[in-house]
Amino acid sequence: MTIAKLSELGITHLPDHTELPESDGNFVKNFQEHPQSILLTDSVQGILQQIHPDNQYCIGQDCGIYWRLTEPPERGAEAPDWFYVPNVAPMLNGQFRHSYVLWQEYVAPLIVL
């Protein structure tokens, strides 16, 4: 497999979470998906506060984890129903993350459901 350099692709900078779509326009797969994500987040919140008293973690629901550059951008993303990333700030440049961009963060173990 050959990996092209960014300059060969005409890319001058890697986009951040504000420059990438936060939705692909598709509806959730079923009506239980969102309530289940909220239930999961609520059930682990106390443990996460103990593990991360500095609040350095990110939980995402129904948004993209961008890991490669593609056209359209959504094709370079996984969109799990729920994910947790330890040791990262939930906000980036003063804004809550619209998506999670792997090429901008050191990635600790990522838990995806």
N, C-alpha and C. Protein backbone atom coordinates (compact mmCIF):
# COMPACT_ATOMS: atom_id res chain seq x y z
N MET A 1 0.85 -1.18 0.00
CA MET A 1 0.00 0.00 0.00
C MET A 1 0.88 1.23 0.00
N THR A 2 0.54 2.20 -0.83
CA THR A 2 1.28 3.45 -0.91
C THR A 2 0.47 4.54 -0.23
N ILE A 3 1.12 5.30 0.61
CA ILE A 3 0.46 6.42 1.29
C ILE A 3 0.97 7.71 0.68
N ALA A 4 0.07 8.51 0.15
CA ALA A 4 0.44 9.77 -0.48
C ALA A 4 0.75 10.82 0.57
N LYS A 5 1.67 11.69 0.22
CA LYS A 5 1.97 12.82 1.09
C LYS A 5 0.87 13.86 0.94
N LEU A 6 0.66 14.65 2.01
CA LEU A 6 -0.39 15.67 1.96
C LEU A 6 -0.20 16.61 0.78
N SER A 7 1.05 17.01 0.52
CA SER A 7 1.32 17.94 -0.57
C SER A 7 0.95 17.33 -1.93
N GLU A 8 1.11 16.01 -2.07
CA GLU A 8 0.74 15.34 -3.32
C GLU A 8 -0.76 15.34 -3.54
N LEU A 9 -1.51 15.43 -2.47
CA LEU A 9 -2.97 15.45 -2.55
C LEU A 9 -3.52 16.88 -2.65
N GLY A 10 -2.62 17.88 -2.63
CA GLY A 10 -3.05 19.27 -2.68
C GLY A 10 -3.59 19.78 -1.37
N ILE A 11 -3.24 19.10 -0.27
CA ILE A 11 -3.74 19.49 1.06
C ILE A 11 -2.70 20.38 1.73
N THR A 12 -3.12 21.57 2.12
CA THR A 12 -2.18 22.50 2.76
C THR A 12 -2.25 22.46 4.27
N HIS A 13 -3.38 21.98 4.80
CA HIS A 13 -3.49 21.83 6.26
C HIS A 13 -4.53 20.75 6.56
N LEU A 14 -4.40 20.15 7.72
CA LEU A 14 -5.38 19.16 8.14
C LEU A 14 -6.54 19.87 8.81
N PRO A 15 -7.76 19.56 8.43
CA PRO A 15 -8.91 20.23 9.05
C PRO A 15 -9.07 19.84 10.51
N ASP A 16 -9.65 20.75 11.28
CA ASP A 16 -9.94 20.44 12.67
C ASP A 16 -11.43 20.11 12.81
N HIS A 17 -11.88 19.94 14.03
CA HIS A 17 -13.26 19.51 14.25
C HIS A 17 -14.29 20.53 13.78
N THR A 18 -13.91 21.79 13.64
CA THR A 18 -14.87 22.81 13.20
C THR A 18 -15.02 22.84 11.68
N GLU A 19 -14.08 22.24 10.97
CA GLU A 19 -14.10 22.28 9.51
C GLU A 19 -14.67 21.00 8.88
N LEU A 20 -15.03 20.05 9.71
CA LEU A 20 -15.55 18.77 9.21
C LEU A 20 -17.03 18.62 9.56
N PRO A 21 -17.78 17.91 8.74
CA PRO A 21 -19.20 17.71 9.05
C PRO A 21 -19.37 16.97 10.37
N GLU A 22 -20.37 17.36 11.13
CA GLU A 22 -20.66 16.66 12.37
C GLU A 22 -21.81 15.67 12.20
N SER A 23 -22.38 15.63 11.01
CA SER A 23 -23.47 14.70 10.72
C SER A 23 -23.42 14.34 9.25
N ASP A 24 -23.84 13.12 8.94
CA ASP A 24 -23.91 12.73 7.54
C ASP A 24 -25.33 12.85 6.99
N GLY A 25 -26.23 13.40 7.79
CA GLY A 25 -27.59 13.62 7.35
C GLY A 25 -28.51 12.41 7.46
N ASN A 26 -27.96 11.28 7.90
CA ASN A 26 -28.78 10.08 8.05
C ASN A 26 -29.45 10.06 9.41
N PHE A 27 -30.61 9.48 9.46
CA PHE A 27 -31.31 9.31 10.72
C PHE A 27 -30.67 8.17 11.50
N VAL A 28 -30.88 8.17 12.80
CA VAL A 28 -30.38 7.07 13.62
C VAL A 28 -31.01 5.76 13.15
N LYS A 29 -30.35 4.67 13.47
CA LYS A 29 -30.81 3.36 13.00
C LYS A 29 -32.14 2.93 13.63
N ASN A 30 -32.33 3.28 14.91
CA ASN A 30 -33.60 2.94 15.57
C ASN A 30 -33.86 3.94 16.68
N PHE A 31 -35.07 3.99 17.15
CA PHE A 31 -35.47 5.00 18.12
C PHE A 31 -34.83 4.81 19.49
N GLN A 32 -34.28 3.63 19.77
CA GLN A 32 -33.66 3.38 21.08
C GLN A 32 -32.20 3.82 21.14
N GLU A 33 -31.61 4.11 20.01
CA GLU A 33 -30.18 4.40 19.95
C GLU A 33 -29.78 5.59 20.84
N HIS A 34 -30.44 6.70 20.71
CA HIS A 34 -30.07 7.88 21.49
C HIS A 34 -30.32 7.69 23.00
N PRO A 35 -31.49 7.21 23.41
CA PRO A 35 -31.67 6.98 24.85
C PRO A 35 -30.65 5.98 25.44
N GLN A 36 -30.28 4.97 24.67
CA GLN A 36 -29.30 4.01 25.16
C GLN A 36 -27.92 4.66 25.34
N SER A 37 -27.54 5.55 24.43
CA SER A 37 -26.28 6.28 24.56
C SER A 37 -26.27 7.15 25.80
N ILE A 38 -27.38 7.81 26.05
CA ILE A 38 -27.49 8.66 27.25
C ILE A 38 -27.42 7.81 28.51
N LEU A 39 -28.10 6.68 28.51
CA LEU A 39 -28.08 5.78 29.66
C LEU A 39 -26.66 5.28 29.93
N LEU A 40 -25.95 4.90 28.88
CA LEU A 40 -24.56 4.44 29.03
C LEU A 40 -23.68 5.55 29.60
N THR A 41 -23.79 6.75 29.06
CA THR A 41 -22.99 7.88 29.55
C THR A 41 -23.31 8.16 31.01
N ASP A 42 -24.58 8.24 31.35
CA ASP A 42 -24.97 8.52 32.73
C ASP A 42 -24.47 7.44 33.69
N SER A 43 -24.47 6.18 33.24
CA SER A 43 -24.07 5.09 34.14
C SER A 43 -22.57 5.07 34.41
N VAL A 44 -21.75 5.60 33.51
CA VAL A 44 -20.29 5.59 33.73
C VAL A 44 -19.76 6.95 34.18
N GLN A 45 -20.60 7.96 34.24
CA GLN A 45 -20.15 9.32 34.57
C GLN A 45 -19.44 9.40 35.91
N GLY A 46 -19.96 8.75 36.94
CA GLY A 46 -19.33 8.79 38.26
C GLY A 46 -17.94 8.18 38.26
N ILE A 47 -17.78 7.07 37.59
CA ILE A 47 -16.47 6.41 37.48
C ILE A 47 -15.49 7.30 36.71
N LEU A 48 -15.98 7.90 35.61
CA LEU A 48 -15.10 8.76 34.82
C LEU A 48 -14.65 9.98 35.60
N GLN A 49 -15.52 10.52 36.46
CA GLN A 49 -15.12 11.65 37.30
C GLN A 49 -14.03 11.24 38.28
N GLN A 50 -14.07 10.00 38.78
CA GLN A 50 -13.02 9.52 39.67
C GLN A 50 -11.71 9.30 38.92
N ILE A 51 -11.81 8.72 37.72
CA ILE A 51 -10.61 8.46 36.91
C ILE A 51 -10.01 9.75 36.38
N HIS A 52 -10.87 10.70 36.02
CA HIS A 52 -10.44 11.96 35.39
C HIS A 52 -10.97 13.16 36.19
N PRO A 53 -10.44 13.42 37.41
CA PRO A 53 -10.92 14.57 38.17
C PRO A 53 -10.66 15.90 37.46
N ASP A 54 -9.74 15.89 36.49
CA ASP A 54 -9.45 17.09 35.71
C ASP A 54 -10.36 17.23 34.48
N ASN A 55 -11.34 16.30 34.34
CA ASN A 55 -12.30 16.29 33.22
C ASN A 55 -11.63 16.15 31.85
N GLN A 56 -10.47 15.51 31.80
CA GLN A 56 -9.77 15.35 30.53
C GLN A 56 -10.16 14.03 29.87
N TYR A 57 -11.37 13.99 29.35
CA TYR A 57 -11.87 12.87 28.57
C TYR A 57 -12.98 13.37 27.66
N CYS A 58 -13.23 12.61 26.64
CA CYS A 58 -14.26 13.01 25.68
C CYS A 58 -15.20 11.83 25.44
N ILE A 59 -16.49 12.09 25.52
CA ILE A 59 -17.50 11.11 25.16
C ILE A 59 -18.26 11.67 23.96
N GLY A 60 -18.42 10.84 22.97
CA GLY A 60 -19.15 11.25 21.78
C GLY A 60 -20.31 10.31 21.51
N GLN A 61 -21.37 10.86 20.99
CA GLN A 61 -22.55 10.07 20.63
C GLN A 61 -23.01 10.50 19.25
N ASP A 62 -23.13 9.54 18.36
CA ASP A 62 -23.64 9.81 17.02
C ASP A 62 -22.88 10.93 16.30
N CYS A 63 -21.58 10.94 16.43
CA CYS A 63 -20.76 11.89 15.69
C CYS A 63 -19.54 11.15 15.16
N GLY A 64 -18.84 11.77 14.24
CA GLY A 64 -17.76 11.09 13.55
C GLY A 64 -16.44 11.09 14.29
N ILE A 65 -15.70 10.00 14.11
CA ILE A 65 -14.30 9.93 14.50
C ILE A 65 -13.53 9.94 13.19
N TYR A 66 -12.97 11.08 12.85
CA TYR A 66 -12.26 11.23 11.57
C TYR A 66 -10.86 10.68 11.69
N TRP A 67 -10.49 9.81 10.75
CA TRP A 67 -9.19 9.17 10.82
C TRP A 67 -8.43 9.19 9.51
N ARG A 68 -9.08 9.55 8.42
CA ARG A 68 -8.37 9.68 7.15
C ARG A 68 -9.07 10.73 6.29
N LEU A 69 -8.32 11.32 5.38
CA LEU A 69 -8.85 12.34 4.50
C LEU A 69 -9.46 11.70 3.27
N THR A 70 -10.71 12.02 3.01
CA THR A 70 -11.43 11.49 1.85
C THR A 70 -12.32 12.57 1.29
N GLU A 71 -12.89 12.31 0.16
CA GLU A 71 -13.88 13.20 -0.42
C GLU A 71 -15.09 12.36 -0.77
N PRO A 72 -16.25 12.58 -0.20
CA PRO A 72 -16.56 13.58 0.82
C PRO A 72 -15.95 13.20 2.17
N PRO A 73 -15.80 14.19 3.05
CA PRO A 73 -15.13 13.95 4.35
C PRO A 73 -15.77 12.85 5.19
N GLU A 74 -17.10 12.67 5.08
CA GLU A 74 -17.77 11.67 5.92
C GLU A 74 -17.25 10.25 5.67
N ARG A 75 -16.72 10.01 4.48
CA ARG A 75 -16.20 8.68 4.17
C ARG A 75 -14.92 8.37 4.92
N GLY A 76 -14.27 9.37 5.46
CA GLY A 76 -13.05 9.16 6.24
C GLY A 76 -13.33 9.07 7.72
N ALA A 77 -14.58 8.80 8.07
CA ALA A 77 -14.97 8.77 9.47
C ALA A 77 -15.69 7.48 9.82
N GLU A 78 -15.52 7.08 11.03
CA GLU A 78 -16.37 6.06 11.64
C GLU A 78 -17.40 6.83 12.45
N ALA A 79 -18.61 6.36 12.50
CA ALA A 79 -19.65 7.06 13.25
C ALA A 79 -20.30 6.10 14.23
N PRO A 80 -19.59 5.79 15.32
CA PRO A 80 -20.17 4.86 16.30
C PRO A 80 -21.32 5.52 17.06
N ASP A 81 -22.15 4.68 17.64
CA ASP A 81 -23.25 5.19 18.45
C ASP A 81 -22.73 5.88 19.70
N TRP A 82 -21.59 5.43 20.21
CA TRP A 82 -21.04 5.97 21.46
C TRP A 82 -19.55 5.69 21.50
N PHE A 83 -18.75 6.66 21.99
CA PHE A 83 -17.33 6.40 22.18
C PHE A 83 -16.78 7.23 23.33
N TYR A 84 -15.69 6.74 23.90
CA TYR A 84 -15.00 7.39 25.03
C TYR A 84 -13.52 7.45 24.70
N VAL A 85 -12.92 8.63 24.86
CA VAL A 85 -11.49 8.80 24.64
C VAL A 85 -10.90 9.40 25.91
N PRO A 86 -10.01 8.67 26.61
CA PRO A 86 -9.41 9.19 27.83
C PRO A 86 -8.31 10.21 27.54
N ASN A 87 -8.08 11.06 28.51
CA ASN A 87 -6.93 11.98 28.51
C ASN A 87 -6.94 13.01 27.39
N VAL A 88 -8.11 13.48 27.00
CA VAL A 88 -8.24 14.59 26.06
C VAL A 88 -9.28 15.55 26.61
N ALA A 89 -9.14 16.80 26.25
CA ALA A 89 -10.10 17.81 26.69
C ALA A 89 -11.41 17.67 25.91
N PRO A 90 -12.56 17.82 26.59
CA PRO A 90 -13.84 17.76 25.88
C PRO A 90 -14.06 18.98 24.98
N MET A 91 -13.28 20.04 25.22
CA MET A 91 -13.37 21.23 24.39
C MET A 91 -12.03 21.42 23.68
N LEU A 92 -12.09 21.98 22.49
CA LEU A 92 -10.89 22.26 21.71
C LEU A 92 -11.00 23.68 21.20
N ASN A 93 -10.00 24.49 21.51
CA ASN A 93 -10.01 25.90 21.12
C ASN A 93 -11.27 26.63 21.60
N GLY A 94 -11.71 26.28 22.82
CA GLY A 94 -12.85 26.95 23.42
C GLY A 94 -14.21 26.51 22.92
N GLN A 95 -14.26 25.46 22.10
CA GLN A 95 -15.53 24.97 21.57
C GLN A 95 -15.68 23.49 21.90
N PHE A 96 -16.93 23.07 22.22
CA PHE A 96 -17.17 21.65 22.38
C PHE A 96 -16.91 20.98 21.04
N ARG A 97 -16.35 19.80 21.07
CA ARG A 97 -15.99 19.09 19.85
C ARG A 97 -17.23 18.74 19.03
N HIS A 98 -17.18 19.03 17.75
CA HIS A 98 -18.25 18.63 16.84
C HIS A 98 -18.02 17.20 16.38
N SER A 99 -16.77 16.81 16.36
CA SER A 99 -16.36 15.47 15.96
C SER A 99 -15.02 15.22 16.66
N TYR A 100 -14.50 14.05 16.49
CA TYR A 100 -13.20 13.73 17.07
C TYR A 100 -12.24 13.48 15.93
N VAL A 101 -11.16 14.26 15.89
CA VAL A 101 -10.21 14.22 14.79
C VAL A 101 -8.95 13.53 15.27
N LEU A 102 -8.71 12.31 14.80
CA LEU A 102 -7.57 11.53 15.28
C LEU A 102 -6.24 12.12 14.90
N TRP A 103 -6.16 12.82 13.78
CA TRP A 103 -4.86 13.34 13.37
C TRP A 103 -4.46 14.57 14.17
N GLN A 104 -5.32 15.05 15.08
CA GLN A 104 -4.96 16.21 15.89
C GLN A 104 -4.67 15.85 17.33
N GLU A 105 -4.86 14.62 17.71
CA GLU A 105 -4.70 14.23 19.11
C GLU A 105 -3.81 13.02 19.22
N TYR A 106 -3.09 12.94 20.34
CA TYR A 106 -2.45 11.69 20.69
C TYR A 106 -3.59 10.78 21.14
N VAL A 107 -3.70 9.64 20.55
CA VAL A 107 -4.84 8.79 20.85
C VAL A 107 -4.46 7.72 21.85
N ALA A 108 -5.06 7.84 23.01
CA ALA A 108 -4.96 6.78 24.01
C ALA A 108 -5.95 5.71 23.60
N PRO A 109 -6.05 4.63 24.33
CA PRO A 109 -7.04 3.62 23.95
C PRO A 109 -8.43 4.24 23.79
N LEU A 110 -9.07 3.88 22.73
CA LEU A 110 -10.37 4.42 22.37
C LEU A 110 -11.40 3.32 22.54
N ILE A 111 -12.45 3.59 23.31
CA ILE A 111 -13.51 2.61 23.51
C ILE A 111 -14.68 3.02 22.65
N VAL A 112 -15.07 2.15 21.73
CA VAL A 112 -16.12 2.46 20.77
C VAL A 112 -17.21 1.40 20.87
N LEU A 113 -18.46 1.85 20.95
CA LEU A 113 -19.60 0.92 20.94
C LEU A 113 -20.49 1.23 19.77
